Amino acid sequence: MVELFSFIHYVQHMVEHNNDKLDNIFQALADPTRREIVRLIASNDRAVSELAAPFDMSLAAIF
């Protein structure tokens, strides 16, 4: 129960003090290509060229 309270407190603090950052994060994650890139990174280490290839994107666009 204490862990849940700590987590909730952490999330509340994050939301109250980082609105602009959170808006940027959610805006970025609204894009399906970006969500897929995040999924790929989460599943395994990838080179930037591996991330860009399925989306016909430049390496600079991934950075």
PDB file of N, CA and C in Angstrom:
ATOM      1  N   MET A   1       0.822  -1.193   0.000  1.00  0.00           N
ATOM      2  CA  MET A   1       0.000   0.000   0.000  1.00  0.00           C
ATOM      3  C   MET A   1       0.867   1.258   0.000  1.00  0.00           C
ATOM      4  N   VAL A   2       1.964   1.218   0.751  1.00  0.00           N
ATOM      5  CA  VAL A   2       2.858   2.379   0.797  1.00  0.00           C
ATOM      6  C   VAL A   2       3.468   2.624  -0.576  1.00  0.00           C
ATOM      7  N   GLU A   3       3.815   1.550  -1.305  1.00  0.00           N
ATOM      8  CA  GLU A   3       4.396   1.707  -2.635  1.00  0.00           C
ATOM      9  C   GLU A   3       3.407   2.366  -3.586  1.00  0.00           C
ATOM     10  N   LEU A   4       2.148   1.979  -3.501  1.00  0.00           N
ATOM     11  CA  LEU A   4       1.120   2.579  -4.351  1.00  0.00           C
ATOM     12  C   LEU A   4       0.970   4.062  -4.039  1.00  0.00           C
ATOM     13  N   PHE A   5       0.946   4.412  -2.761  1.00  0.00           N
ATOM     14  CA  PHE A   5       0.849   5.815  -2.363  1.00  0.00           C
ATOM     15  C   PHE A   5       2.049   6.592  -2.887  1.00  0.00           C
ATOM     16  N   SER A   6       3.231   6.024  -2.774  1.00  0.00           N
ATOM     17  CA  SER A   6       4.445   6.689  -3.265  1.00  0.00           C
ATOM     18  C   SER A   6       4.362   6.914  -4.765  1.00  0.00           C
ATOM     19  N   PHE A   7       3.880   5.912  -5.490  1.00  0.00           N
ATOM     20  CA  PHE A   7       3.756   6.032  -6.940  1.00  0.00           C
ATOM     21  C   PHE A   7       2.763   7.127  -7.297  1.00  0.00           C
ATOM     22  N   ILE A   8       1.606   7.122  -6.642  1.00  0.00           N
ATOM     23  CA  ILE A   8       0.582   8.140  -6.906  1.00  0.00           C
ATOM     24  C   ILE A   8       1.121   9.531  -6.594  1.00  0.00           C
ATOM     25  N   HIS A   9       1.814   9.669  -5.483  1.00  0.00           N
ATOM     26  CA  HIS A   9       2.405  10.953  -5.113  1.00  0.00           C
ATOM     27  C   HIS A   9       3.414  11.402  -6.171  1.00  0.00           C
ATOM     28  N   TYR A  10       4.229  10.481  -6.646  1.00  0.00           N
ATOM     29  CA  TYR A  10       5.227  10.788  -7.675  1.00  0.00           C
ATOM     30  C   TYR A  10       4.542  11.268  -8.953  1.00  0.00           C
ATOM     31  N   VAL A  11       3.498  10.565  -9.390  1.00  0.00           N
ATOM     32  CA  VAL A  11       2.783  10.947 -10.612  1.00  0.00           C
ATOM     33  C   VAL A  11       2.126  12.311 -10.443  1.00  0.00           C
ATOM     34  N   GLN A  12       1.496  12.551  -9.303  1.00  0.00           N
ATOM     35  CA  GLN A  12       0.870  13.859  -9.056  1.00  0.00           C
ATOM     36  C   GLN A  12       1.908  14.970  -9.130  1.00  0.00           C
ATOM     37  N   HIS A  13       3.047  14.760  -8.512  1.00  0.00           N
ATOM     38  CA  HIS A  13       4.120  15.764  -8.531  1.00  0.00           C
ATOM     39  C   HIS A  13       4.579  16.011  -9.966  1.00  0.00           C
ATOM     40  N   MET A  14       4.746  14.935 -10.716  1.00  0.00           N
ATOM     41  CA  MET A  14       5.200  15.053 -12.089  1.00  0.00           C
ATOM     42  C   MET A  14       4.204  15.865 -12.915  1.00  0.00           C
ATOM     43  N   VAL A  15       2.929  15.590 -12.749  1.00  0.00           N
ATOM     44  CA  VAL A  15       1.898  16.290 -13.519  1.00  0.00           C
ATOM     45  C   VAL A  15       1.807  17.762 -13.105  1.00  0.00           C
ATOM     46  N   GLU A  16       1.881  18.030 -11.825  1.00  0.00           N
ATOM     47  CA  GLU A  16       1.736  19.400 -11.337  1.00  0.00           C
ATOM     48  C   GLU A  16       2.915  20.294 -11.700  1.00  0.00           C
ATOM     49  N   HIS A  17       4.095  19.722 -11.850  1.00  0.00           N
ATOM     50  CA  HIS A  17       5.290  20.543 -12.036  1.00  0.00           C
ATOM     51  C   HIS A  17       5.938  20.420 -13.408  1.00  0.00           C
ATOM     52  N   ASN A  18       5.379  19.623 -14.287  1.00  0.00           N
ATOM     53  CA  ASN A  18       5.997  19.414 -15.600  1.00  0.00           C
ATOM     54  C   ASN A  18       4.972  19.428 -16.727  1.00  0.00           C
ATOM     55  N   ASN A  19       3.981  20.284 -16.641  1.00  0.00           N
ATOM     56  CA  ASN A  19       2.916  20.283 -17.643  1.00  0.00           C
ATOM     57  C   ASN A  19       3.440  20.435 -19.063  1.00  0.00           C
ATOM     58  N   ASP A  20       4.332  21.379 -19.293  1.00  0.00           N
ATOM     59  CA  ASP A  20       4.840  21.602 -20.649  1.00  0.00           C
ATOM     60  C   ASP A  20       5.591  20.392 -21.166  1.00  0.00           C
ATOM     61  N   LYS A  21       6.411  19.797 -20.323  1.00  0.00           N
ATOM     62  CA  LYS A  21       7.157  18.609 -20.741  1.00  0.00           C
ATOM     63  C   LYS A  21       6.221  17.451 -21.050  1.00  0.00           C
ATOM     64  N   LEU A  22       5.234  17.243 -20.189  1.00  0.00           N
ATOM     65  CA  LEU A  22       4.285  16.160 -20.416  1.00  0.00           C
ATOM     66  C   LEU A  22       3.475  16.395 -21.684  1.00  0.00           C
ATOM     67  N   ASP A  23       3.091  17.630 -21.952  1.00  0.00           N
ATOM     68  CA  ASP A  23       2.374  17.939 -23.188  1.00  0.00           C
ATOM     69  C   ASP A  23       3.219  17.548 -24.398  1.00  0.00           C
ATOM     70  N   ASN A  24       4.498  17.878 -24.359  1.00  0.00           N
ATOM     71  CA  ASN A  24       5.398  17.530 -25.466  1.00  0.00           C
ATOM     72  C   ASN A  24       5.529  16.022 -25.632  1.00  0.00           C
ATOM     73  N   ILE A  25       5.638  15.312 -24.523  1.00  0.00           N
ATOM     74  CA  ILE A  25       5.766  13.849 -24.577  1.00  0.00           C
ATOM     75  C   ILE A  25       4.515  13.230 -25.181  1.00  0.00           C
ATOM     76  N   PHE A  26       3.340  13.619 -24.683  1.00  0.00           N
ATOM     77  CA  PHE A  26       2.106  13.033 -25.202  1.00  0.00           C
ATOM     78  C   PHE A  26       1.854  13.433 -26.647  1.00  0.00           C
ATOM     79  N   GLN A  27       2.232  14.633 -27.018  1.00  0.00           N
ATOM     80  CA  GLN A  27       2.094  15.052 -28.410  1.00  0.00           C
ATOM     81  C   GLN A  27       2.977  14.187 -29.307  1.00  0.00           C
ATOM     82  N   ALA A  28       4.205  13.934 -28.871  1.00  0.00           N
ATOM     83  CA  ALA A  28       5.111  13.088 -29.655  1.00  0.00           C
ATOM     84  C   ALA A  28       4.579  11.666 -29.760  1.00  0.00           C
ATOM     85  N   LEU A  29       4.050  11.141 -28.664  1.00  0.00           N
ATOM     86  CA  LEU A  29       3.562   9.765 -28.667  1.00  0.00           C
ATOM     87  C   LEU A  29       2.222   9.606 -29.383  1.00  0.00           C
ATOM     88  N   ALA A  30       1.596  10.705 -29.753  1.00  0.00           N
ATOM     89  CA  ALA A  30       0.361  10.631 -30.529  1.00  0.00           C
ATOM     90  C   ALA A  30       0.641  10.165 -31.956  1.00  0.00           C
ATOM     91  N   ASP A  31       1.881  10.313 -32.390  1.00  0.00           N
ATOM     92  CA  ASP A  31       2.271   9.913 -33.738  1.00  0.00           C
ATOM     93  C   ASP A  31       2.556   8.408 -33.773  1.00  0.00           C
ATOM     94  N   PRO A  32       1.886   7.644 -34.655  1.00  0.00           N
ATOM     95  CA  PRO A  32       2.085   6.192 -34.684  1.00  0.00           C
ATOM     96  C   PRO A  32       3.518   5.771 -35.008  1.00  0.00           C
ATOM     97  N   THR A  33       4.209   6.524 -35.843  1.00  0.00           N
ATOM     98  CA  THR A  33       5.598   6.189 -36.167  1.00  0.00           C
ATOM     99  C   THR A  33       6.477   6.319 -34.934  1.00  0.00           C
ATOM    100  N   ARG A  34       6.296   7.377 -34.182  1.00  0.00           N
ATOM    101  CA  ARG A  34       7.091   7.558 -32.966  1.00  0.00           C
ATOM    102  C   ARG A  34       6.790   6.481 -31.940  1.00  0.00           C
ATOM    103  N   ARG A  35       5.510   6.096 -31.828  1.00  0.00           N
ATOM    104  CA  ARG A  35       5.168   5.012 -30.892  1.00  0.00           C
ATOM    105  C   ARG A  35       5.844   3.718 -31.300  1.00  0.00           C
ATOM    106  N   GLU A  36       5.890   3.446 -32.595  1.00  0.00           N
ATOM    107  CA  GLU A  36       6.550   2.223 -33.071  1.00  0.00           C
ATOM    108  C   GLU A  36       8.046   2.269 -32.799  1.00  0.00           C
ATOM    109  N   ILE A  37       8.657   3.422 -32.970  1.00  0.00           N
ATOM    110  CA  ILE A  37      10.090   3.568 -32.668  1.00  0.00           C
ATOM    111  C   ILE A  37      10.334   3.315 -31.188  1.00  0.00           C
ATOM    112  N   VAL A  38       9.485   3.847 -30.326  1.00  0.00           N
ATOM    113  CA  VAL A  38       9.622   3.599 -28.887  1.00  0.00           C
ATOM    114  C   VAL A  38       9.478   2.109 -28.596  1.00  0.00           C
ATOM    115  N   ARG A  39       8.501   1.453 -29.246  1.00  0.00           N
ATOM    116  CA  ARG A  39       8.316   0.013 -29.052  1.00  0.00           C
ATOM    117  C   ARG A  39       9.556  -0.761 -29.475  1.00  0.00           C
ATOM    118  N   LEU A  40      10.145  -0.386 -30.605  1.00  0.00           N
ATOM    119  CA  LEU A  40      11.350  -1.063 -31.090  1.00  0.00           C
ATOM    120  C   LEU A  40      12.515  -0.881 -30.125  1.00  0.00           C
ATOM    121  N   ILE A  41      12.685   0.326 -29.624  1.00  0.00           N
ATOM    122  CA  ILE A  41      13.770   0.589 -28.678  1.00  0.00           C
ATOM    123  C   ILE A  41      13.552  -0.189 -27.384  1.00  0.00           C
ATOM    124  N   ALA A  42      12.306  -0.274 -26.951  1.00  0.00           N
ATOM    125  CA  ALA A  42      12.006  -0.971 -25.698  1.00  0.00           C
ATOM    126  C   ALA A  42      12.238  -2.470 -25.813  1.00  0.00           C
ATOM    127  N   SER A  43      12.085  -3.018 -27.014  1.00  0.00           N
ATOM    128  CA  SER A  43      12.214  -4.464 -27.173  1.00  0.00           C
ATOM    129  C   SER A  43      13.652  -4.931 -27.322  1.00  0.00           C
ATOM    130  N   ASN A  44      14.532  -4.038 -27.768  1.00  0.00           N
ATOM    131  CA  ASN A  44      15.916  -4.444 -28.017  1.00  0.00           C
ATOM    132  C   ASN A  44      16.747  -3.207 -28.362  1.00  0.00           C
ATOM    133  N   ASP A  45      18.038  -3.270 -28.074  1.00  0.00           N
ATOM    134  CA  ASP A  45      18.922  -2.188 -28.507  1.00  0.00           C
ATOM    135  C   ASP A  45      18.946  -2.170 -30.028  1.00  0.00           C
ATOM    136  N   ARG A  46      18.873  -0.998 -30.588  1.00  0.00           N
ATOM    137  CA  ARG A  46      18.843  -0.847 -32.046  1.00  0.00           C
ATOM    138  C   ARG A  46      19.774   0.265 -32.478  1.00  0.00           C
ATOM    139  N   ALA A  47      20.369   0.079 -33.628  1.00  0.00           N
ATOM    140  CA  ALA A  47      21.145   1.153 -34.254  1.00  0.00           C
ATOM    141  C   ALA A  47      20.154   2.153 -34.850  1.00  0.00           C
ATOM    142  N   VAL A  48      20.586   3.381 -34.969  1.00  0.00           N
ATOM    143  CA  VAL A  48      19.711   4.406 -35.545  1.00  0.00           C
ATOM    144  C   VAL A  48      19.291   4.005 -36.959  1.00  0.00           C
ATOM    145  N   SER A  49      20.192   3.418 -37.716  1.00  0.00           N
ATOM    146  CA  SER A  49      19.848   2.985 -39.081  1.00  0.00           C
ATOM    147  C   SER A  49      18.753   1.919 -39.063  1.00  0.00           C
ATOM    148  N   GLU A  50      18.752   1.041 -38.064  1.00  0.00           N
ATOM    149  CA  GLU A  50      17.696   0.030 -37.934  1.00  0.00           C
ATOM    150  C   GLU A  50      16.346   0.678 -37.622  1.00  0.00           C
ATOM    151  N   LEU A  51      16.371   1.733 -36.837  1.00  0.00           N
ATOM    152  CA  LEU A  51      15.131   2.419 -36.492  1.00  0.00           C
ATOM    153  C   LEU A  51      14.561   3.178 -37.687  1.00  0.00           C
ATOM    154  N   ALA A  52      15.426   3.769 -38.478  1.00  0.00           N
ATOM    155  CA  ALA A  52      14.986   4.594 -39.596  1.00  0.00           C
ATOM    156  C   ALA A  52      14.499   3.765 -40.786  1.00  0.00           C
ATOM    157  N   ALA A  53      15.095   2.603 -40.996  1.00  0.00           N
ATOM    158  CA  ALA A  53      14.835   1.808 -42.206  1.00  0.00           C
ATOM    159  C   ALA A  53      13.355   1.499 -42.468  1.00  0.00           C
ATOM    160  N   PRO A  54      12.592   0.989 -41.502  1.00  0.00           N
ATOM    161  CA  PRO A  54      11.201   0.632 -41.818  1.00  0.00           C
ATOM    162  C   PRO A  54      10.306   1.825 -42.145  1.00  0.00           C
ATOM    163  N   PHE A  55      10.746   3.010 -41.828  1.00  0.00           N
ATOM    164  CA  PHE A  55       9.903   4.193 -41.991  1.00  0.00           C
ATOM    165  C   PHE A  55      10.373   5.107 -43.112  1.00  0.00           C
ATOM    166  N   ASP A  56      11.402   4.689 -43.835  1.00  0.00           N
ATOM    167  CA  ASP A  56      11.957   5.526 -44.908  1.00  0.00           C
ATOM    168  C   ASP A  56      12.248   6.927 -44.389  1.00  0.00           C
ATOM    169  N   MET A  57      12.937   6.976 -43.242  1.00  0.00           N
ATOM    170  CA  MET A  57      13.289   8.234 -42.602  1.00  0.00           C
ATOM    171  C   MET A  57      14.809   8.417 -42.639  1.00  0.00           C
ATOM    172  N   SER A  58      15.230   9.647 -42.608  1.00  0.00           N
ATOM    173  CA  SER A  58      16.657   9.909 -42.509  1.00  0.00           C
ATOM    174  C   SER A  58      17.127   9.628 -41.093  1.00  0.00           C
ATOM    175  N   LEU A  59      18.423   9.400 -40.947  1.00  0.00           N
ATOM    176  CA  LEU A  59      18.977   9.181 -39.616  1.00  0.00           C
ATOM    177  C   LEU A  59      18.778  10.422 -38.738  1.00  0.00           C
ATOM    178  N   ALA A  60      18.882  11.594 -39.360  1.00  0.00           N
ATOM    179  CA  ALA A  60      18.698  12.837 -38.598  1.00  0.00           C
ATOM    180  C   ALA A  60      17.276  12.942 -38.047  1.00  0.00           C
ATOM    181  N   ALA A  61      16.303  12.413 -38.755  1.00  0.00           N
ATOM    182  CA  ALA A  61      14.919  12.483 -38.293  1.00  0.00           C
ATOM    183  C   ALA A  61      14.696  11.641 -37.046  1.00  0.00           C
ATOM    184  N   ILE A  62      15.485  10.596 -36.878  1.00  0.00           N
ATOM    185  CA  ILE A  62      15.355   9.733 -35.709  1.00  0.00           C
ATOM    186  C   ILE A  62      15.899  10.421 -34.477  1.00  0.00           C
ATOM    187  N   PHE A  63      16.982  11.192 -34.646  1.00  0.00           N
ATOM    188  CA  PHE A  63      17.568  11.882 -33.497  1.00  0.00           C
ATOM    189  C   PHE A  63      16.608  12.913 -33.028  1.00  0.00           C
TER     190      PHE A  63
END
